[in-house]
């Protein structure tokens, strides 16, 4: 069973934020969304996170990862999800920062 989005974001019901609006529209665990919609949202949010240079992201610090990313089609869907989850946890907890 999924935890409510507010568990991860600290969003409180009725606070009027975008995350609150999303929960109102799609349910507190986004249960109204299908996996295609969830993947699209994930892609959109990561695209937003890497759109500009910020304190947390600098495109000039990215090594050449092309050889690995070009092979992502070798991974099953669930391996791709697991990889995304591992990377999110590393980013969230600032592990392995250089």
N, C-alpha and C. Protein backbone atom coordinates (compact mmCIF):
# COMPACT_ATOMS: atom_id res chain seq x y z
N UNK A 1 0.84 -1.18 0.00
CA UNK A 1 0.00 0.00 0.00
C UNK A 1 0.88 1.24 0.00
N UNK A 2 0.52 2.21 -0.80
CA UNK A 2 1.28 3.45 -0.90
C UNK A 2 0.95 4.39 0.25
N UNK A 3 1.95 5.15 0.61
CA UNK A 3 1.74 6.20 1.61
C UNK A 3 1.22 7.44 0.88
N UNK A 4 0.48 8.32 1.58
CA UNK A 4 0.01 9.55 0.95
C UNK A 4 1.20 10.42 0.51
N UNK A 5 0.99 11.18 -0.53
CA UNK A 5 2.03 12.06 -1.06
C UNK A 5 2.54 13.00 0.04
N UNK A 6 1.64 13.44 0.91
CA UNK A 6 2.03 14.32 2.01
C UNK A 6 3.06 13.71 2.94
N UNK A 7 3.10 12.40 3.03
CA UNK A 7 4.12 11.71 3.84
C UNK A 7 5.51 12.03 3.32
N UNK A 8 5.65 12.09 2.00
CA UNK A 8 6.94 12.34 1.37
C UNK A 8 7.26 13.82 1.24
N UNK A 9 6.21 14.65 1.11
CA UNK A 9 6.42 16.07 0.80
C UNK A 9 6.14 17.01 1.96
N UNK A 10 5.45 16.54 2.98
CA UNK A 10 5.08 17.42 4.08
C UNK A 10 3.86 18.27 3.76
N UNK A 11 3.21 18.00 2.65
CA UNK A 11 2.03 18.75 2.25
C UNK A 11 0.87 18.42 3.18
N UNK A 12 0.18 19.45 3.63
CA UNK A 12 -0.98 19.27 4.49
C UNK A 12 -2.25 19.45 3.67
N UNK A 13 -3.25 18.60 3.89
CA UNK A 13 -4.51 18.77 3.17
C UNK A 13 -5.08 20.16 3.40
N UNK A 14 -5.53 20.77 2.31
CA UNK A 14 -6.16 22.09 2.41
C UNK A 14 -5.21 23.25 2.47
N UNK A 15 -3.90 23.03 2.24
CA UNK A 15 -2.96 24.15 2.34
C UNK A 15 -2.91 25.01 1.08
N UNK A 16 -3.64 24.61 0.03
CA UNK A 16 -3.74 25.42 -1.18
C UNK A 16 -2.54 25.34 -2.11
N UNK A 17 -1.59 24.47 -1.82
CA UNK A 17 -0.39 24.34 -2.65
C UNK A 17 -0.68 23.50 -3.90
N UNK A 18 0.25 23.52 -4.83
CA UNK A 18 0.12 22.67 -6.01
C UNK A 18 0.00 21.21 -5.61
N UNK A 19 0.82 20.77 -4.65
CA UNK A 19 0.76 19.37 -4.23
C UNK A 19 -0.60 19.03 -3.61
N UNK A 20 -1.18 19.97 -2.88
CA UNK A 20 -2.52 19.76 -2.33
C UNK A 20 -3.53 19.65 -3.46
N UNK A 21 -3.42 20.53 -4.46
CA UNK A 21 -4.33 20.47 -5.61
C UNK A 21 -4.22 19.12 -6.33
N UNK A 22 -2.98 18.63 -6.47
CA UNK A 22 -2.76 17.34 -7.13
C UNK A 22 -3.42 16.22 -6.33
N UNK A 23 -3.29 16.27 -5.00
CA UNK A 23 -3.91 15.25 -4.15
C UNK A 23 -5.44 15.32 -4.23
N UNK A 24 -5.96 16.54 -4.30
CA UNK A 24 -7.41 16.71 -4.41
C UNK A 24 -7.92 16.10 -5.72
N UNK A 25 -7.15 16.27 -6.79
CA UNK A 25 -7.57 15.78 -8.10
C UNK A 25 -7.36 14.28 -8.27
N UNK A 26 -6.26 13.76 -7.74
CA UNK A 26 -5.85 12.38 -8.05
C UNK A 26 -5.85 11.45 -6.85
N UNK A 27 -6.24 11.95 -5.68
CA UNK A 27 -6.23 11.14 -4.47
C UNK A 27 -4.92 11.30 -3.72
N UNK A 28 -4.95 11.02 -2.43
CA UNK A 28 -3.78 11.27 -1.58
C UNK A 28 -2.59 10.39 -1.92
N UNK A 29 -2.85 9.26 -2.59
CA UNK A 29 -1.75 8.39 -3.03
C UNK A 29 -1.65 8.38 -4.56
N UNK A 30 -2.31 9.35 -5.19
CA UNK A 30 -2.37 9.45 -6.66
C UNK A 30 -2.98 8.19 -7.27
N UNK A 31 -3.91 7.58 -6.52
CA UNK A 31 -4.51 6.33 -6.96
C UNK A 31 -5.34 6.46 -8.22
N UNK A 32 -5.76 7.66 -8.58
CA UNK A 32 -6.54 7.85 -9.80
C UNK A 32 -5.66 7.72 -11.05
N UNK A 33 -4.36 7.96 -10.89
CA UNK A 33 -3.45 7.93 -12.04
C UNK A 33 -3.08 6.49 -12.41
N UNK A 34 -2.85 6.28 -13.71
CA UNK A 34 -2.30 5.00 -14.14
C UNK A 34 -0.78 5.13 -14.22
N UNK A 35 -0.09 4.03 -14.45
CA UNK A 35 1.37 4.07 -14.45
C UNK A 35 1.93 4.95 -15.56
N UNK A 36 1.26 5.02 -16.70
CA UNK A 36 1.73 5.90 -17.78
C UNK A 36 1.70 7.35 -17.32
N UNK A 37 0.65 7.74 -16.61
CA UNK A 37 0.55 9.10 -16.10
C UNK A 37 1.60 9.36 -15.02
N UNK A 38 1.83 8.38 -14.16
CA UNK A 38 2.86 8.54 -13.12
C UNK A 38 4.25 8.69 -13.74
N UNK A 39 4.55 7.88 -14.75
CA UNK A 39 5.84 7.98 -15.43
C UNK A 39 5.99 9.33 -16.11
N UNK A 40 4.92 9.83 -16.72
CA UNK A 40 4.96 11.13 -17.37
C UNK A 40 5.24 12.23 -16.34
N UNK A 41 4.59 12.15 -15.18
CA UNK A 41 4.84 13.13 -14.11
C UNK A 41 6.29 13.03 -13.63
N UNK A 42 6.80 11.83 -13.44
CA UNK A 42 8.18 11.65 -13.00
C UNK A 42 9.15 12.23 -14.02
N UNK A 43 8.92 11.96 -15.29
CA UNK A 43 9.76 12.51 -16.34
C UNK A 43 9.70 14.04 -16.35
N UNK A 44 8.51 14.58 -16.17
CA UNK A 44 8.34 16.04 -16.16
C UNK A 44 9.05 16.69 -14.99
N UNK A 45 8.93 16.10 -13.80
CA UNK A 45 9.57 16.71 -12.63
C UNK A 45 11.08 16.60 -12.72
N UNK A 46 11.61 15.48 -13.22
CA UNK A 46 13.07 15.40 -13.36
C UNK A 46 13.56 16.32 -14.47
N UNK A 47 12.76 16.49 -15.51
CA UNK A 47 13.11 17.47 -16.55
C UNK A 47 13.16 18.88 -15.99
N UNK A 48 12.21 19.22 -15.12
CA UNK A 48 12.20 20.53 -14.48
C UNK A 48 13.42 20.71 -13.58
N UNK A 49 13.79 19.65 -12.88
CA UNK A 49 14.93 19.71 -11.95
C UNK A 49 16.25 19.92 -12.69
N UNK A 50 16.31 19.52 -13.96
CA UNK A 50 17.56 19.62 -14.72
C UNK A 50 17.47 20.66 -15.83
N UNK A 51 16.45 21.50 -15.81
CA UNK A 51 16.27 22.50 -16.87
C UNK A 51 17.27 23.65 -16.77
N UNK A 52 17.66 24.00 -15.58
CA UNK A 52 18.55 25.14 -15.35
C UNK A 52 19.62 24.76 -14.34
N UNK A 53 20.71 25.51 -14.36
CA UNK A 53 21.75 25.35 -13.36
C UNK A 53 21.22 25.88 -12.03
N UNK A 54 21.33 25.06 -11.00
CA UNK A 54 20.88 25.45 -9.66
C UNK A 54 21.92 25.00 -8.65
N UNK A 55 21.65 25.25 -7.40
CA UNK A 55 22.52 24.79 -6.32
C UNK A 55 22.64 23.27 -6.32
N UNK A 56 21.59 22.60 -6.77
CA UNK A 56 21.56 21.14 -6.75
C UNK A 56 21.92 20.47 -8.08
N UNK A 57 21.99 21.24 -9.16
CA UNK A 57 22.26 20.65 -10.47
C UNK A 57 23.08 21.61 -11.32
N UNK A 58 24.17 21.09 -11.85
CA UNK A 58 25.02 21.86 -12.76
C UNK A 58 25.35 20.95 -13.94
N UNK A 59 24.85 21.28 -15.14
CA UNK A 59 25.09 20.40 -16.29
C UNK A 59 26.57 20.26 -16.62
N UNK A 60 27.40 21.21 -16.20
CA UNK A 60 28.83 21.14 -16.47
C UNK A 60 29.54 20.12 -15.56
N UNK A 61 28.84 19.63 -14.54
CA UNK A 61 29.40 18.62 -13.65
C UNK A 61 29.03 17.19 -14.06
N UNK A 62 28.31 17.07 -15.17
CA UNK A 62 27.86 15.76 -15.62
C UNK A 62 28.95 15.13 -16.48
N UNK A 63 29.42 13.97 -16.04
CA UNK A 63 30.40 13.22 -16.83
C UNK A 63 29.71 12.62 -18.04
N UNK A 64 30.48 12.06 -18.94
CA UNK A 64 29.89 11.41 -20.10
C UNK A 64 29.25 10.09 -19.68
N UNK A 65 27.95 10.10 -19.58
CA UNK A 65 27.20 8.92 -19.16
C UNK A 65 26.50 8.25 -20.34
N UNK A 66 26.77 8.75 -21.54
CA UNK A 66 26.06 8.30 -22.73
C UNK A 66 26.16 6.80 -22.94
N UNK A 67 27.34 6.23 -22.72
CA UNK A 67 27.49 4.79 -22.98
C UNK A 67 26.55 3.96 -22.11
N UNK A 68 26.29 4.41 -20.91
CA UNK A 68 25.35 3.69 -20.03
C UNK A 68 23.91 4.00 -20.42
N UNK A 69 23.59 5.27 -20.62
CA UNK A 69 22.20 5.64 -20.91
C UNK A 69 21.72 5.05 -22.24
N UNK A 70 22.63 4.89 -23.19
CA UNK A 70 22.24 4.30 -24.47
C UNK A 70 21.88 2.82 -24.33
N UNK A 71 22.24 2.21 -23.21
CA UNK A 71 21.97 0.78 -22.99
C UNK A 71 20.78 0.54 -22.06
N UNK A 72 20.10 1.60 -21.65
CA UNK A 72 18.97 1.44 -20.73
C UNK A 72 17.91 0.50 -21.28
N UNK A 73 17.82 0.37 -22.61
CA UNK A 73 16.82 -0.53 -23.18
C UNK A 73 17.12 -2.00 -22.85
N UNK A 74 18.32 -2.28 -22.35
CA UNK A 74 18.66 -3.65 -21.93
C UNK A 74 18.02 -4.00 -20.59
N UNK A 75 17.59 -3.00 -19.85
CA UNK A 75 16.99 -3.21 -18.54
C UNK A 75 15.50 -3.46 -18.68
N UNK A 76 14.99 -4.35 -17.85
CA UNK A 76 13.54 -4.55 -17.82
C UNK A 76 12.89 -3.30 -17.21
N UNK A 77 11.59 -3.21 -17.37
CA UNK A 77 10.86 -2.09 -16.78
C UNK A 77 11.13 -2.01 -15.28
N UNK A 78 11.09 -3.15 -14.60
CA UNK A 78 11.25 -3.15 -13.14
C UNK A 78 12.69 -2.84 -12.73
N UNK A 79 13.66 -3.21 -13.56
CA UNK A 79 15.05 -2.81 -13.29
C UNK A 79 15.21 -1.30 -13.46
N UNK A 80 14.52 -0.73 -14.44
CA UNK A 80 14.56 0.72 -14.63
C UNK A 80 13.93 1.44 -13.44
N UNK A 81 12.81 0.91 -12.95
CA UNK A 81 12.17 1.49 -11.76
C UNK A 81 13.10 1.40 -10.56
N UNK A 82 13.75 0.26 -10.38
CA UNK A 82 14.67 0.08 -9.26
C UNK A 82 15.86 1.03 -9.37
N UNK A 83 16.37 1.22 -10.57
CA UNK A 83 17.47 2.16 -10.78
C UNK A 83 17.02 3.58 -10.44
N UNK A 84 15.84 3.96 -10.91
CA UNK A 84 15.31 5.29 -10.59
C UNK A 84 15.15 5.47 -9.08
N UNK A 85 14.63 4.45 -8.42
CA UNK A 85 14.46 4.51 -6.96
C UNK A 85 15.79 4.66 -6.25
N UNK A 86 16.80 3.89 -6.68
CA UNK A 86 18.12 3.98 -6.06
C UNK A 86 18.71 5.38 -6.24
N UNK A 87 18.59 5.93 -7.44
CA UNK A 87 19.13 7.27 -7.70
C UNK A 87 18.39 8.33 -6.89
N UNK A 88 17.08 8.20 -6.79
CA UNK A 88 16.30 9.16 -6.00
C UNK A 88 16.73 9.11 -4.54
N UNK A 89 16.92 7.93 -4.00
CA UNK A 89 17.36 7.82 -2.60
C UNK A 89 18.75 8.44 -2.41
N UNK A 90 19.64 8.21 -3.36
CA UNK A 90 20.98 8.79 -3.25
C UNK A 90 20.92 10.32 -3.30
N UNK A 91 20.08 10.86 -4.18
CA UNK A 91 19.93 12.31 -4.27
C UNK A 91 19.29 12.84 -2.98
N UNK A 92 18.25 12.19 -2.53
CA UNK A 92 17.52 12.64 -1.34
C UNK A 92 18.40 12.68 -0.11
N UNK A 93 19.23 11.67 0.05
CA UNK A 93 20.06 11.59 1.24
C UNK A 93 21.49 12.02 1.00
N UNK A 94 21.76 12.63 -0.17
CA UNK A 94 23.06 13.21 -0.52
C UNK A 94 24.21 12.23 -0.35
N UNK A 95 23.98 11.00 -0.70
CA UNK A 95 25.05 10.00 -0.64
C UNK A 95 25.96 10.14 -1.84
N UNK A 96 27.17 9.80 -1.64
CA UNK A 96 28.16 9.68 -2.71
C UNK A 96 28.43 11.00 -3.42
N UNK A 97 28.21 12.13 -2.75
CA UNK A 97 28.53 13.42 -3.38
C UNK A 97 30.03 13.54 -3.55
N UNK A 98 30.42 14.07 -4.68
CA UNK A 98 31.85 14.29 -4.94
C UNK A 98 32.22 15.67 -4.49
